[in-house]
Amino acid sequence: STRSLTPTTVPVHFEFKEIYLSDPDHAEDYEDDDLIIP
């Protein structure tokens, strides 16, 4: 806990979108906020 340091169980849920490029020139085909990984 950030207040008392008592161990606290919290749910963790996360959605993600990643684009893996086979050619770096393709980066311009995607939005600026897309996560692009060569």
PDB file of all heavy atoms in Angstrom:
ATOM      1  N   SER A   1       0.857  -1.185   0.000  1.00  0.00           N
ATOM      2  CA  SER A   1       0.000   0.000   0.000  1.00  0.00           C
ATOM      3  C   SER A   1       0.891   1.232   0.000  1.00  0.00           C
ATOM      4  O   SER A   1       1.879   1.278   0.717  1.00  0.00           O
ATOM      5  CB  SER A   1      -0.889   0.003   1.242  1.00  0.00           C
ATOM      6  OG  SER A   1      -1.372   1.297   1.506  1.00  0.00           O
ATOM      7  N   THR A   2       0.529   2.214  -0.807  1.00  0.00           N
ATOM      8  CA  THR A   2       1.329   3.444  -0.857  1.00  0.00           C
ATOM      9  C   THR A   2       1.113   4.289   0.390  1.00  0.00           C
ATOM     10  O   THR A   2       1.844   5.235   0.625  1.00  0.00           O
ATOM     11  CB  THR A   2       0.993   4.272  -2.116  1.00  0.00           C
ATOM     12  OG1 THR A   2      -0.418   4.363  -2.254  1.00  0.00           O
ATOM     13  CG2 THR A   2       1.576   3.626  -3.348  1.00  0.00           C
ATOM     14  N   ARG A   3       0.140   3.915   1.222  1.00  0.00           N
ATOM     15  CA  ARG A   3      -0.115   4.660   2.451  1.00  0.00           C
ATOM     16  C   ARG A   3       0.491   3.964   3.667  1.00  0.00           C
ATOM     17  O   ARG A   3       1.081   4.595   4.520  1.00  0.00           O
ATOM     18  CB  ARG A   3      -1.626   4.840   2.635  1.00  0.00           C
ATOM     19  CG  ARG A   3      -1.973   5.799   3.733  1.00  0.00           C
ATOM     20  CD  ARG A   3      -3.453   6.079   3.799  1.00  0.00           C
ATOM     21  NE  ARG A   3      -3.922   6.816   2.630  1.00  0.00           N
ATOM     22  CZ  ARG A   3      -5.198   6.956   2.319  1.00  0.00           C
ATOM     23  NH1 ARG A   3      -6.127   6.414   3.069  1.00  0.00           N
ATOM     24  NH2 ARG A   3      -5.543   7.644   1.258  1.00  0.00           N
ATOM     25  N   SER A   4       0.327   2.624   3.754  1.00  0.00           N
ATOM     26  CA  SER A   4       0.738   1.925   4.982  1.00  0.00           C
ATOM     27  C   SER A   4       1.767   0.821   4.750  1.00  0.00           C
ATOM     28  O   SER A   4       2.216   0.199   5.696  1.00  0.00           O
ATOM     29  CB  SER A   4      -0.492   1.300   5.636  1.00  0.00           C
ATOM     30  OG  SER A   4      -1.029   0.295   4.783  1.00  0.00           O
ATOM     31  N   LEU A   5       2.102   0.548   3.493  1.00  0.00           N
ATOM     32  CA  LEU A   5       3.001  -0.544   3.091  1.00  0.00           C
ATOM     33  C   LEU A   5       2.408  -1.934   3.346  1.00  0.00           C
ATOM     34  O   LEU A   5       3.109  -2.927   3.208  1.00  0.00           O
ATOM     35  CB  LEU A   5       4.380  -0.420   3.770  1.00  0.00           C
ATOM     36  CG  LEU A   5       5.153   0.859   3.455  1.00  0.00           C
ATOM     37  CD1 LEU A   5       6.501   0.850   4.162  1.00  0.00           C
ATOM     38  CD2 LEU A   5       5.356   1.034   1.960  1.00  0.00           C
ATOM     39  N   THR A   6       1.133  -2.021   3.687  1.00  0.00           N
ATOM     40  CA  THR A   6       0.468  -3.308   3.870  1.00  0.00           C
ATOM     41  C   THR A   6       0.381  -4.016   2.524  1.00  0.00           C
ATOM     42  O   THR A   6      -0.062  -3.411   1.545  1.00  0.00           O
ATOM     43  CB  THR A   6      -0.967  -3.090   4.416  1.00  0.00           C
ATOM     44  OG1 THR A   6      -0.881  -2.331   5.621  1.00  0.00           O
ATOM     45  CG2 THR A   6      -1.668  -4.403   4.673  1.00  0.00           C
ATOM     46  N   PRO A   7       0.792  -5.295   2.418  1.00  0.00           N
ATOM     47  CA  PRO A   7       0.660  -6.010   1.149  1.00  0.00           C
ATOM     48  C   PRO A   7      -0.802  -6.020   0.683  1.00  0.00           C
ATOM     49  O   PRO A   7      -1.700  -6.368   1.446  1.00  0.00           O
ATOM     50  CB  PRO A   7       1.151  -7.419   1.467  1.00  0.00           C
ATOM     51  CG  PRO A   7       2.051  -7.241   2.658  1.00  0.00           C
ATOM     52  CD  PRO A   7       1.443  -6.115   3.441  1.00  0.00           C
ATOM     53  N   THR A   8      -1.016  -5.608  -0.567  1.00  0.00           N
ATOM     54  CA  THR A   8      -2.357  -5.452  -1.112  1.00  0.00           C
ATOM     55  C   THR A   8      -2.412  -6.079  -2.502  1.00  0.00           C
ATOM     56  O   THR A   8      -1.570  -5.792  -3.348  1.00  0.00           O
ATOM     57  CB  THR A   8      -2.713  -3.948  -1.212  1.00  0.00           C
ATOM     58  OG1 THR A   8      -2.496  -3.350   0.072  1.00  0.00           O
ATOM     59  CG2 THR A   8      -4.150  -3.740  -1.649  1.00  0.00           C
ATOM     60  N   THR A   9      -3.417  -6.938  -2.721  1.00  0.00           N
ATOM     61  CA  THR A   9      -3.580  -7.574  -4.029  1.00  0.00           C
ATOM     62  C   THR A   9      -4.484  -6.720  -4.897  1.00  0.00           C
ATOM     63  O   THR A   9      -5.563  -6.310  -4.473  1.00  0.00           O
ATOM     64  CB  THR A   9      -4.161  -8.995  -3.871  1.00  0.00           C
ATOM     65  OG1 THR A   9      -3.271  -9.737  -3.040  1.00  0.00           O
ATOM     66  CG2 THR A   9      -4.276  -9.692  -5.207  1.00  0.00           C
ATOM     67  N   VAL A  10      -4.011  -6.421  -6.098  1.00  0.00           N
ATOM     68  CA  VAL A  10      -4.773  -5.590  -7.029  1.00  0.00           C
ATOM     69  C   VAL A  10      -4.883  -6.293  -8.380  1.00  0.00           C
ATOM     70  O   VAL A  10      -3.967  -6.994  -8.793  1.00  0.00           O
ATOM     71  CB  VAL A  10      -4.111  -4.203  -7.224  1.00  0.00           C
ATOM     72  CG1 VAL A  10      -4.153  -3.387  -5.949  1.00  0.00           C
ATOM     73  CG2 VAL A  10      -2.682  -4.339  -7.709  1.00  0.00           C
ATOM     74  N   PRO A  11      -6.021  -6.114  -9.065  1.00  0.00           N
ATOM     75  CA  PRO A  11      -6.135  -6.694 -10.406  1.00  0.00           C
ATOM     76  C   PRO A  11      -5.303  -5.879 -11.394  1.00  0.00           C
ATOM     77  O   PRO A  11      -5.188  -4.656 -11.259  1.00  0.00           O
ATOM     78  CB  PRO A  11      -7.635  -6.571 -10.715  1.00  0.00           C
ATOM     79  CG  PRO A  11      -8.113  -5.447  -9.861  1.00  0.00           C
ATOM     80  CD  PRO A  11      -7.234  -5.428  -8.644  1.00  0.00           C
ATOM     81  N   VAL A  12      -4.720  -6.562 -12.358  1.00  0.00           N
ATOM     82  CA  VAL A  12      -3.950  -5.887 -13.398  1.00  0.00           C
ATOM     83  C   VAL A  12      -4.544  -6.307 -14.738  1.00  0.00           C
ATOM     84  O   VAL A  12      -4.578  -7.494 -15.064  1.00  0.00           O
ATOM     85  CB  VAL A  12      -2.452  -6.270 -13.339  1.00  0.00           C
ATOM     86  CG1 VAL A  12      -1.679  -5.608 -14.470  1.00  0.00           C
ATOM     87  CG2 VAL A  12      -1.857  -5.886 -11.993  1.00  0.00           C
ATOM     88  N   HIS A  13      -5.047  -5.329 -15.473  1.00  0.00           N
ATOM     89  CA  HIS A  13      -5.626  -5.572 -16.798  1.00  0.00           C
ATOM     90  C   HIS A  13      -5.025  -4.531 -17.730  1.00  0.00           C
ATOM     91  O   HIS A  13      -4.985  -3.345 -17.410  1.00  0.00           O
ATOM     92  CB  HIS A  13      -7.158  -5.428 -16.753  1.00  0.00           C
ATOM     93  CG  HIS A  13      -7.778  -5.499 -18.120  1.00  0.00           C
ATOM     94  ND1 HIS A  13      -8.050  -6.688 -18.738  1.00  0.00           N
ATOM     95  CD2 HIS A  13      -8.144  -4.525 -18.981  1.00  0.00           C
ATOM     96  CE1 HIS A  13      -8.568  -6.442 -19.930  1.00  0.00           C
ATOM     97  NE2 HIS A  13      -8.630  -5.138 -20.103  1.00  0.00           N
ATOM     98  N   PHE A  14      -4.562  -4.982 -18.880  1.00  0.00           N
ATOM     99  CA  PHE A  14      -3.908  -4.056 -19.796  1.00  0.00           C
ATOM    100  C   PHE A  14      -4.178  -4.508 -21.217  1.00  0.00           C
ATOM    101  O   PHE A  14      -4.034  -5.688 -21.537  1.00  0.00           O
ATOM    102  CB  PHE A  14      -2.400  -4.042 -19.510  1.00  0.00           C
ATOM    103  CG  PHE A  14      -1.654  -2.944 -20.211  1.00  0.00           C
ATOM    104  CD1 PHE A  14      -1.728  -1.642 -19.763  1.00  0.00           C
ATOM    105  CD2 PHE A  14      -0.861  -3.218 -21.312  1.00  0.00           C
ATOM    106  CE1 PHE A  14      -1.033  -0.620 -20.398  1.00  0.00           C
ATOM    107  CE2 PHE A  14      -0.154  -2.211 -21.953  1.00  0.00           C
ATOM    108  CZ  PHE A  14      -0.246  -0.908 -21.493  1.00  0.00           C
ATOM    109  N   GLU A  15      -4.580  -3.578 -22.071  1.00  0.00           N
ATOM    110  CA  GLU A  15      -4.764  -3.880 -23.493  1.00  0.00           C
ATOM    111  C   GLU A  15      -3.634  -3.205 -24.258  1.00  0.00           C
ATOM    112  O   GLU A  15      -3.231  -2.094 -23.919  1.00  0.00           O
ATOM    113  CB  GLU A  15      -6.121  -3.359 -23.973  1.00  0.00           C
ATOM    114  CG  GLU A  15      -7.284  -4.085 -23.310  1.00  0.00           C
ATOM    115  CD  GLU A  15      -8.639  -3.594 -23.787  1.00  0.00           C
ATOM    116  OE1 GLU A  15      -8.689  -2.807 -24.762  1.00  0.00           O
ATOM    117  OE2 GLU A  15      -9.639  -4.008 -23.194  1.00  0.00           O
ATOM    118  N   PHE A  16      -3.135  -3.890 -25.277  1.00  0.00           N
ATOM    119  CA  PHE A  16      -2.031  -3.313 -26.030  1.00  0.00           C
ATOM    120  C   PHE A  16      -2.160  -3.609 -27.514  1.00  0.00           C
ATOM    121  O   PHE A  16      -2.839  -4.544 -27.920  1.00  0.00           O
ATOM    122  CB  PHE A  16      -0.680  -3.814 -25.500  1.00  0.00           C
ATOM    123  CG  PHE A  16      -0.469  -5.296 -25.595  1.00  0.00           C
ATOM    124  CD1 PHE A  16       0.202  -5.853 -26.673  1.00  0.00           C
ATOM    125  CD2 PHE A  16      -0.931  -6.142 -24.601  1.00  0.00           C
ATOM    126  CE1 PHE A  16       0.401  -7.231 -26.762  1.00  0.00           C
ATOM    127  CE2 PHE A  16      -0.733  -7.518 -24.674  1.00  0.00           C
ATOM    128  CZ  PHE A  16      -0.062  -8.060 -25.758  1.00  0.00           C
ATOM    129  N   LYS A  17      -1.515  -2.746 -28.290  1.00  0.00           N
ATOM    130  CA  LYS A  17      -1.438  -2.925 -29.740  1.00  0.00           C
ATOM    131  C   LYS A  17      -0.022  -2.550 -30.146  1.00  0.00           C
ATOM    132  O   LYS A  17       0.461  -1.471 -29.783  1.00  0.00           O
ATOM    133  CB  LYS A  17      -2.446  -2.037 -30.459  1.00  0.00           C
ATOM    134  CG  LYS A  17      -2.346  -2.112 -31.980  1.00  0.00           C
ATOM    135  CD  LYS A  17      -3.341  -1.162 -32.640  1.00  0.00           C
ATOM    136  CE  LYS A  17      -3.187  -1.195 -34.149  1.00  0.00           C
ATOM    137  NZ  LYS A  17      -4.068  -0.208 -34.797  1.00  0.00           N
ATOM    138  N   GLU A  18       0.614  -3.441 -30.850  1.00  0.00           N
ATOM    139  CA  GLU A  18       1.976  -3.186 -31.311  1.00  0.00           C
ATOM    140  C   GLU A  18       2.083  -3.601 -32.766  1.00  0.00           C
ATOM    141  O   GLU A  18       1.473  -4.581 -33.182  1.00  0.00           O
ATOM    142  CB  GLU A  18       2.983  -3.962 -30.457  1.00  0.00           C
ATOM    143  CG  GLU A  18       2.952  -3.530 -29.013  1.00  0.00           C
ATOM    144  CD  GLU A  18       3.909  -4.277 -28.113  1.00  0.00           C
ATOM    145  OE1 GLU A  18       4.382  -5.373 -28.482  1.00  0.00           O
ATOM    146  OE2 GLU A  18       4.170  -3.763 -27.022  1.00  0.00           O
ATOM    147  N   ILE A  19       2.849  -2.844 -33.520  1.00  0.00           N
ATOM    148  CA  ILE A  19       3.035  -3.136 -34.934  1.00  0.00           C
ATOM    149  C   ILE A  19       4.507  -3.440 -35.158  1.00  0.00           C
ATOM    150  O   ILE A  19       5.380  -2.621 -34.839  1.00  0.00           O
ATOM    151  CB  ILE A  19       2.586  -1.952 -35.807  1.00  0.00           C
ATOM    152  CG1 ILE A  19       1.101  -1.673 -35.538  1.00  0.00           C
ATOM    153  CG2 ILE A  19       2.839  -2.240 -37.276  1.00  0.00           C
ATOM    154  CD1 ILE A  19       0.617  -0.328 -35.997  1.00  0.00           C
ATOM    155  N   TYR A  20       4.758  -4.627 -35.649  1.00  0.00           N
ATOM    156  CA  TYR A  20       6.131  -5.065 -35.926  1.00  0.00           C
ATOM    157  C   TYR A  20       6.378  -4.907 -37.421  1.00  0.00           C
ATOM    158  O   TYR A  20       5.711  -5.529 -38.240  1.00  0.00           O
ATOM    159  CB  TYR A  20       6.327  -6.516 -35.476  1.00  0.00           C
ATOM    160  CG  TYR A  20       6.266  -6.660 -33.973  1.00  0.00           C
ATOM    161  CD1 TYR A  20       5.045  -6.750 -33.316  1.00  0.00           C
ATOM    162  CD2 TYR A  20       7.429  -6.678 -33.211  1.00  0.00           C
ATOM    163  CE1 TYR A  20       4.982  -6.866 -31.933  1.00  0.00           C
ATOM    164  CE2 TYR A  20       7.379  -6.783 -31.830  1.00  0.00           C
ATOM    165  CZ  TYR A  20       6.151  -6.879 -31.199  1.00  0.00           C
ATOM    166  OH  TYR A  20       6.087  -6.985 -29.824  1.00  0.00           O
ATOM    167  N   LEU A  21       7.344  -4.049 -37.765  1.00  0.00           N
ATOM    168  CA  LEU A  21       7.610  -3.732 -39.163  1.00  0.00           C
ATOM    169  C   LEU A  21       8.682  -4.641 -39.740  1.00  0.00           C
ATOM    170  O   LEU A  21       9.758  -4.791 -39.166  1.00  0.00           O
ATOM    171  CB  LEU A  21       8.098  -2.287 -39.300  1.00  0.00           C
ATOM    172  CG  LEU A  21       7.181  -1.169 -38.835  1.00  0.00           C
ATOM    173  CD1 LEU A  21       7.831   0.177 -39.124  1.00  0.00           C
ATOM    174  CD2 LEU A  21       5.837  -1.256 -39.497  1.00  0.00           C
ATOM    175  N   SER A  22       8.387  -5.215 -40.902  1.00  0.00           N
ATOM    176  CA  SER A  22       9.421  -5.978 -41.599  1.00  0.00           C
ATOM    177  C   SER A  22      10.292  -5.034 -42.421  1.00  0.00           C
ATOM    178  O   SER A  22      11.417  -5.370 -42.769  1.00  0.00           O
ATOM    179  CB  SER A  22       8.787  -7.046 -42.496  1.00  0.00           C
ATOM    180  OG  SER A  22       7.882  -6.445 -43.401  1.00  0.00           O
ATOM    181  N   ASP A  23       9.770  -3.836 -42.723  1.00  0.00           N
ATOM    182  CA  ASP A  23      10.510  -2.845 -43.491  1.00  0.00           C
ATOM    183  C   ASP A  23      10.326  -1.483 -42.805  1.00  0.00           C
ATOM    184  O   ASP A  23       9.194  -1.007 -42.668  1.00  0.00           O
ATOM    185  CB  ASP A  23       9.963  -2.797 -44.919  1.00  0.00           C
ATOM    186  CG  ASP A  23      10.695  -1.805 -45.801  1.00  0.00           C
ATOM    187  OD1 ASP A  23      11.423  -0.927 -45.273  1.00  0.00           O
ATOM    188  OD2 ASP A  23      10.533  -1.885 -47.035  1.00  0.00           O
ATOM    189  N   PRO A  24      11.415  -0.842 -42.367  1.00  0.00           N
ATOM    190  CA  PRO A  24      11.295   0.439 -41.646  1.00  0.00           C
ATOM    191  C   PRO A  24      10.541   1.515 -42.437  1.00  0.00           C
ATOM    192  O   PRO A  24       9.940   2.408 -41.861  1.00  0.00           O
ATOM    193  CB  PRO A  24      12.745   0.870 -41.403  1.00  0.00           C
ATOM    194  CG  PRO A  24      13.561  -0.366 -41.578  1.00  0.00           C
ATOM    195  CD  PRO A  24      12.806  -1.283 -42.484  1.00  0.00           C
ATOM    196  N   ASP A  25      10.562   1.440 -43.767  1.00  0.00           N
ATOM    197  CA  ASP A  25       9.859   2.440 -44.580  1.00  0.00           C
ATOM    198  C   ASP A  25       8.344   2.375 -44.389  1.00  0.00           C
ATOM    199  O   ASP A  25       7.637   3.318 -44.734  1.00  0.00           O
ATOM    200  CB  ASP A  25      10.191   2.255 -46.071  1.00  0.00           C
ATOM    201  CG  ASP A  25      11.647   2.587 -46.362  1.00  0.00           C
ATOM    202  OD1 ASP A  25      12.265   3.312 -45.549  1.00  0.00           O
ATOM    203  OD2 ASP A  25      12.168   2.126 -47.392  1.00  0.00           O
ATOM    204  N   HIS A  26       7.838   1.277 -43.858  1.00  0.00           N
ATOM    205  CA  HIS A  26       6.393   1.146 -43.653  1.00  0.00           C
ATOM    206  C   HIS A  26       5.897   2.007 -42.488  1.00  0.00           C
ATOM    207  O   HIS A  26       4.690   2.153 -42.310  1.00  0.00           O
ATOM    208  CB  HIS A  26       6.018  -0.313 -43.374  1.00  0.00           C
ATOM    209  CG  HIS A  26       6.227  -1.232 -44.543  1.00  0.00           C
ATOM    210  ND1 HIS A  26       5.915  -2.563 -44.487  1.00  0.00           N
ATOM    211  CD2 HIS A  26       6.703  -1.010 -45.796  1.00  0.00           C
ATOM    212  CE1 HIS A  26       6.212  -3.132 -45.638  1.00  0.00           C
ATOM    213  NE2 HIS A  26       6.692  -2.197 -46.453  1.00  0.00           N
ATOM    214  N   ALA A  27       6.783   2.559 -41.696  1.00  0.00           N
ATOM    215  CA  ALA A  27       6.380   3.327 -40.511  1.00  0.00           C
ATOM    216  C   ALA A  27       5.436   4.465 -40.866  1.00  0.00           C
ATOM    217  O   ALA A  27       4.524   4.791 -40.109  1.00  0.00           O
ATOM    218  CB  ALA A  27       7.615   3.870 -39.788  1.00  0.00           C
ATOM    219  N   GLU A  28       5.631   5.055 -42.040  1.00  0.00           N
ATOM    220  CA  GLU A  28       4.782   6.187 -42.433  1.00  0.00           C
ATOM    221  C   GLU A  28       3.338   5.764 -42.720  1.00  0.00           C
ATOM    222  O   GLU A  28       2.459   6.614 -42.825  1.00  0.00           O
ATOM    223  CB  GLU A  28       5.388   6.903 -43.644  1.00  0.00           C
ATOM    224  CG  GLU A  28       5.520   5.997 -44.856  1.00  0.00           C
ATOM    225  CD  GLU A  28       6.532   6.500 -45.877  1.00  0.00           C
ATOM    226  OE1 GLU A  28       7.520   7.134 -45.477  1.00  0.00           O
ATOM    227  OE2 GLU A  28       6.320   6.226 -47.066  1.00  0.00           O
ATOM    228  N   ASP A  29       3.072   4.466 -42.830  1.00  0.00           N
ATOM    229  CA  ASP A  29       1.709   3.970 -43.088  1.00  0.00           C
ATOM    230  C   ASP A  29       0.844   3.962 -41.831  1.00  0.00           C
ATOM    231  O   ASP A  29      -0.352   3.690 -41.919  1.00  0.00           O
ATOM    232  CB  ASP A  29       1.742   2.543 -43.654  1.00  0.00           C
ATOM    233  CG  ASP A  29       2.466   2.478 -44.999  1.00  0.00           C
ATOM    234  OD1 ASP A  29       2.581   3.532 -45.657  1.00  0.00           O
ATOM    235  OD2 ASP A  29       2.912   1.377 -45.375  1.00  0.00           O
ATOM    236  N   TYR A  30       1.437   4.240 -40.660  1.00  0.00           N
ATOM    237  CA  TYR A  30       0.707   4.107 -39.407  1.00  0.00           C
ATOM    238  C   TYR A  30       0.565   5.451 -38.709  1.00  0.00           C
ATOM    239  O   TYR A  30       1.260   6.410 -39.029  1.00  0.00           O
ATOM    240  CB  TYR A  30       1.411   3.078 -38.504  1.00  0.00           C
ATOM    241  CG  TYR A  30       1.456   1.711 -39.144  1.00  0.00           C
ATOM    242  CD1 TYR A  30       2.586   1.261 -39.817  1.00  0.00           C
ATOM    243  CD2 TYR A  30       0.346   0.875 -39.116  1.00  0.00           C
ATOM    244  CE1 TYR A  30       2.611   0.018 -40.426  1.00  0.00           C
ATOM    245  CE2 TYR A  30       0.360  -0.371 -39.720  1.00  0.00           C
ATOM    246  CZ  TYR A  30       1.493  -0.794 -40.379  1.00  0.00           C
ATOM    247  OH  TYR A  30       1.504  -2.016 -40.988  1.00  0.00           O
ATOM    248  N   GLU A  31      -0.316   5.484 -37.734  1.00  0.00           N
ATOM    249  CA  GLU A  31      -0.564   6.701 -36.959  1.00  0.00           C
ATOM    250  C   GLU A  31       0.640   7.006 -36.065  1.00  0.00           C
ATOM    251  O   GLU A  31       1.380   6.110 -35.685  1.00  0.00           O
ATOM    252  CB  GLU A  31      -1.811   6.515 -36.073  1.00  0.00           C
ATOM    253  CG  GLU A  31      -3.085   6.224 -36.839  1.00  0.00           C
ATOM    254  CD  GLU A  31      -3.548   7.380 -37.696  1.00  0.00           C
ATOM    255  OE1 GLU A  31      -3.408   8.539 -37.258  1.00  0.00           O
ATOM    256  OE2 GLU A  31      -4.032   7.131 -38.812  1.00  0.00           O
ATOM    257  N   ASP A  32       0.771   8.263 -35.688  1.00  0.00           N
ATOM    258  CA  ASP A  32       1.889   8.671 -34.834  1.00  0.00           C
ATOM    259  C   ASP A  32       1.836   8.023 -33.459  1.00  0.00           C
ATOM    260  O   ASP A  32       2.865   7.787 -32.836  1.00  0.00           O
ATOM    261  CB  ASP A  32       1.909  10.194 -34.651  1.00  0.00           C
ATOM    262  CG  ASP A  32       2.355  10.899 -35.928  1.00  0.00           C
ATOM    263  OD1 ASP A  32       2.963  10.239 -36.789  1.00  0.00           O
ATOM    264  OD2 ASP A  32       2.091  12.106 -36.043  1.00  0.00           O
ATOM    265  N   ASP A  33       0.620   7.733 -32.955  1.00  0.00           N
ATOM    266  CA  ASP A  33       0.524   7.171 -31.614  1.00  0.00           C
ATOM    267  C   ASP A  33       0.564   5.635 -31.599  1.00  0.00           C
ATOM    268  O   ASP A  33       0.464   5.023 -30.551  1.00  0.00           O
ATOM    269  CB  ASP A  33      -0.721   7.687 -30.881  1.00  0.00           C
ATOM    270  CG  ASP A  33      -2.010   7.378 -31.633  1.00  0.00           C
ATOM    271  OD1 ASP A  33      -1.940   6.940 -32.799  1.00  0.00           O
ATOM    272  OD2 ASP A  33      -3.089   7.574 -31.040  1.00  0.00           O
ATOM    273  N   ASP A  34       0.717   5.003 -32.763  1.00  0.00           N
ATOM    274  CA  ASP A  34       0.876   3.547 -32.795  1.00  0.00           C
ATOM    275  C   ASP A  34       2.269   3.185 -32.294  1.00  0.00           C
ATOM    276  O   ASP A  34       3.247   3.878 -32.606  1.00  0.00           O
ATOM    277  CB  ASP A  34       0.714   3.005 -34.227  1.00  0.00           C
ATOM    278  CG  ASP A  34      -0.741   2.959 -34.673  1.00  0.00           C
ATOM    279  OD1 ASP A  34      -1.630   2.877 -33.800  1.00  0.00           O
ATOM    280  OD2 ASP A  34      -0.988   3.001 -35.888  1.00  0.00           O
ATOM    281  N   LEU A  35       2.353   2.094 -31.545  1.00  0.00           N
ATOM    282  CA  LEU A  35       3.654   1.615 -31.086  1.00  0.00           C
ATOM    283  C   LEU A  35       4.247   0.763 -32.201  1.00  0.00           C
ATOM    284  O   LEU A  35       3.724  -0.299 -32.541  1.00  0.00           O
ATOM    285  CB  LEU A  35       3.509   0.799 -29.800  1.00  0.00           C
ATOM    286  CG  LEU A  35       4.820   0.261 -29.238  1.00  0.00           C
ATOM    287  CD1 LEU A  35       5.824   1.383 -28.987  1.00  0.00           C
ATOM    288  CD2 LEU A  35       4.574  -0.494 -27.962  1.00  0.00           C
ATOM    289  N   ILE A  36       5.327   1.258 -32.777  1.00  0.00           N
ATOM    290  CA  ILE A  36       5.940   0.603 -33.931  1.00  0.00           C
ATOM    291  C   ILE A  36       7.300   0.060 -33.524  1.00  0.00           C
ATOM    292  O   ILE A  36       8.124   0.774 -32.944  1.00  0.00           O
ATOM    293  CB  ILE A  36       6.083   1.605 -35.095  1.00  0.00           C
ATOM    294  CG1 ILE A  36       4.685   2.055 -35.528  1.00  0.00           C
ATOM    295  CG2 ILE A  36       6.847   0.995 -36.246  1.00  0.00           C
ATOM    296  CD1 ILE A  36       4.684   3.166 -36.540  1.00  0.00           C
ATOM    297  N   ILE A  37       7.512  -1.224 -33.831  1.00  0.00           N
ATOM    298  CA  ILE A  37       8.752  -1.892 -33.440  1.00  0.00           C
ATOM    299  C   ILE A  37       9.367  -2.520 -34.686  1.00  0.00           C
ATOM    300  O   ILE A  37       8.716  -3.323 -35.361  1.00  0.00           O
ATOM    301  CB  ILE A  37       8.463  -2.980 -32.384  1.00  0.00           C
ATOM    302  CG1 ILE A  37       7.804  -2.340 -31.161  1.00  0.00           C
ATOM    303  CG2 ILE A  37       9.737  -3.727 -32.010  1.00  0.00           C
ATOM    304  CD1 ILE A  37       7.145  -3.311 -30.232  1.00  0.00           C
ATOM    305  N   PRO A  38      10.605  -2.159 -35.020  1.00  0.00           N
ATOM    306  CA  PRO A  38      11.254  -2.795 -36.171  1.00  0.00           C
ATOM    307  C   PRO A  38      11.527  -4.270 -35.866  1.00  0.00           C
ATOM    308  O   PRO A  38      11.967  -4.610 -34.771  1.00  0.00           O
ATOM    309  CB  PRO A  38      12.565  -2.031 -36.341  1.00  0.00           C
ATOM    310  CG  PRO A  38      12.540  -0.922 -35.357  1.00  0.00           C
ATOM    311  CD  PRO A  38      11.436  -1.150 -34.388  1.00  0.00           C
TER     312      PRO A  38
END
